């Protein structure tokens, strides 16, 4: 039996609670991640953050074509 079939065999209320549990787990992870990084000393310095922001900056330019 596949995982999808097993999931579909659950009662609708159980699937709903399972979904809310996954959402809560993800939310707690996103909330606690910066705190854990800070506690472990994994926070980037201001210089590293500026360099990363510069590298991640995407510039988009428009090219006008004749006839448009």
C-alpha atoms as a PDB file:
ATOM      1  CA  UNK A   1       0.000   0.000   0.000  1.00  0.00           C
ATOM      2  CA  UNK A   2       1.408   3.383  -0.978  1.00  0.00           C
ATOM      3  CA  UNK A   3       1.751   6.318   1.360  1.00  0.00           C
ATOM      4  CA  UNK A   4      -0.949   8.252  -0.524  1.00  0.00           C
ATOM      5  CA  UNK A   5      -3.373   5.328  -0.230  1.00  0.00           C
ATOM      6  CA  UNK A   6      -2.669   5.044   3.481  1.00  0.00           C
ATOM      7  CA  UNK A   7      -3.242   8.778   3.913  1.00  0.00           C
ATOM      8  CA  UNK A   8      -6.504   8.653   1.969  1.00  0.00           C
ATOM      9  CA  UNK A   9      -7.696   5.764   4.142  1.00  0.00           C
ATOM     10  CA  UNK A  10      -7.584   7.974   7.236  1.00  0.00           C
ATOM     11  CA  UNK A  11     -10.777   9.591   8.452  1.00  0.00           C
ATOM     12  CA  UNK A  12     -11.274  13.161   7.177  1.00  0.00           C
ATOM     13  CA  UNK A  13     -10.979  14.600  10.680  1.00  0.00           C
ATOM     14  CA  UNK A  14      -7.703  12.736  11.220  1.00  0.00           C
ATOM     15  CA  UNK A  15      -6.330  14.091   7.928  1.00  0.00           C
ATOM     16  CA  UNK A  16      -7.365  17.592   8.973  1.00  0.00           C
ATOM     17  CA  UNK A  17      -5.632  17.274  12.337  1.00  0.00           C
ATOM     18  CA  UNK A  18      -2.576  15.798  10.630  1.00  0.00           C
ATOM     19  CA  UNK A  19      -2.446  18.785   8.254  1.00  0.00           C
ATOM     20  CA  UNK A  20      -2.796  21.289  11.079  1.00  0.00           C
ATOM     21  CA  UNK A  21      -0.061  19.439  12.962  1.00  0.00           C
ATOM     22  CA  UNK A  22       2.300  19.762  10.003  1.00  0.00           C
ATOM     23  CA  UNK A  23       1.497  23.463   9.683  1.00  0.00           C
ATOM     24  CA  UNK A  24       2.129  23.980  13.408  1.00  0.00           C
ATOM     25  CA  UNK A  25       5.407  22.035  13.218  1.00  0.00           C
ATOM     26  CA  UNK A  26       6.582  24.186  10.292  1.00  0.00           C
ATOM     27  CA  UNK A  27       5.517  27.387  12.053  1.00  0.00           C
ATOM     28  CA  UNK A  28       7.390  26.480  15.226  1.00  0.00           C
ATOM     29  CA  UNK A  29      10.451  25.631  13.158  1.00  0.00           C
ATOM     30  CA  UNK A  30      10.363  28.963  11.335  1.00  0.00           C
ATOM     31  CA  UNK A  31       9.838  30.841  14.598  1.00  0.00           C
ATOM     32  CA  UNK A  32      12.621  29.084  16.508  1.00  0.00           C
ATOM     33  CA  UNK A  33      15.207  28.852  13.711  1.00  0.00           C
ATOM     34  CA  UNK A  34      16.633  32.391  14.150  1.00  0.00           C
ATOM     35  CA  UNK A  35      16.835  31.901  17.910  1.00  0.00           C
ATOM     36  CA  UNK A  36      18.735  28.617  17.529  1.00  0.00           C
ATOM     37  CA  UNK A  37      21.092  30.115  14.941  1.00  0.00           C
ATOM     38  CA  UNK A  38      21.798  33.012  17.282  1.00  0.00           C
ATOM     39  CA  UNK A  39      22.441  30.673  20.217  1.00  0.00           C
ATOM     40  CA  UNK A  40      24.892  28.627  18.139  1.00  0.00           C
ATOM     41  CA  UNK A  41      26.698  31.720  16.873  1.00  0.00           C
ATOM     42  CA  UNK A  42      25.668  31.178  13.248  1.00  0.00           C
ATOM     43  CA  UNK A  43      24.409  34.718  12.651  1.00  0.00           C
ATOM     44  CA  UNK A  44      26.156  36.404   9.692  1.00  0.00           C
ATOM     45  CA  UNK A  45      28.134  39.563  10.294  1.00  0.00           C
ATOM     46  CA  UNK A  46      26.944  42.807   8.760  1.00  0.00           C
ATOM     47  CA  UNK A  47      29.672  42.568   6.099  1.00  0.00           C
ATOM     48  CA  UNK A  48      28.688  38.990   5.182  1.00  0.00           C
ATOM     49  CA  UNK A  49      25.019  39.965   4.987  1.00  0.00           C
ATOM     50  CA  UNK A  50      25.766  42.948   2.730  1.00  0.00           C
ATOM     51  CA  UNK A  51      27.883  40.745   0.436  1.00  0.00           C
ATOM     52  CA  UNK A  52      25.103  38.167   0.230  1.00  0.00           C
ATOM     53  CA  UNK A  53      22.499  40.846  -0.493  1.00  0.00           C
ATOM     54  CA  UNK A  54      24.735  42.244  -3.248  1.00  0.00           C
ATOM     55  CA  UNK A  55      25.176  38.805  -4.826  1.00  0.00           C
ATOM     56  CA  UNK A  56      21.466  38.023  -4.613  1.00  0.00           C
ATOM     57  CA  UNK A  57      20.438  41.342  -6.208  1.00  0.00           C
ATOM     58  CA  UNK A  58      18.841  40.650  -9.570  1.00  0.00           C
ATOM     59  CA  UNK A  59      18.706  43.447 -12.086  1.00  0.00           C
ATOM     60  CA  UNK A  60      16.031  43.300 -14.752  1.00  0.00           C
ATOM     61  CA  UNK A  61      16.128  45.605 -17.727  1.00  0.00           C
ATOM     62  CA  UNK A  62      13.653  46.097 -20.524  1.00  0.00           C
ATOM     63  CA  UNK A  63      14.694  46.024 -24.149  1.00  0.00           C
ATOM     64  CA  UNK A  64      12.497  48.025 -26.492  1.00  0.00           C
ATOM     65  CA  UNK A  65      12.040  46.357 -29.850  1.00  0.00           C
ATOM     66  CA  UNK A  66      11.052  48.263 -32.944  1.00  0.00           C
ATOM     67  CA  UNK A  67       7.446  47.754 -33.997  1.00  0.00           C
ATOM     68  CA  UNK A  68       6.061  47.015 -30.483  1.00  0.00           C
END
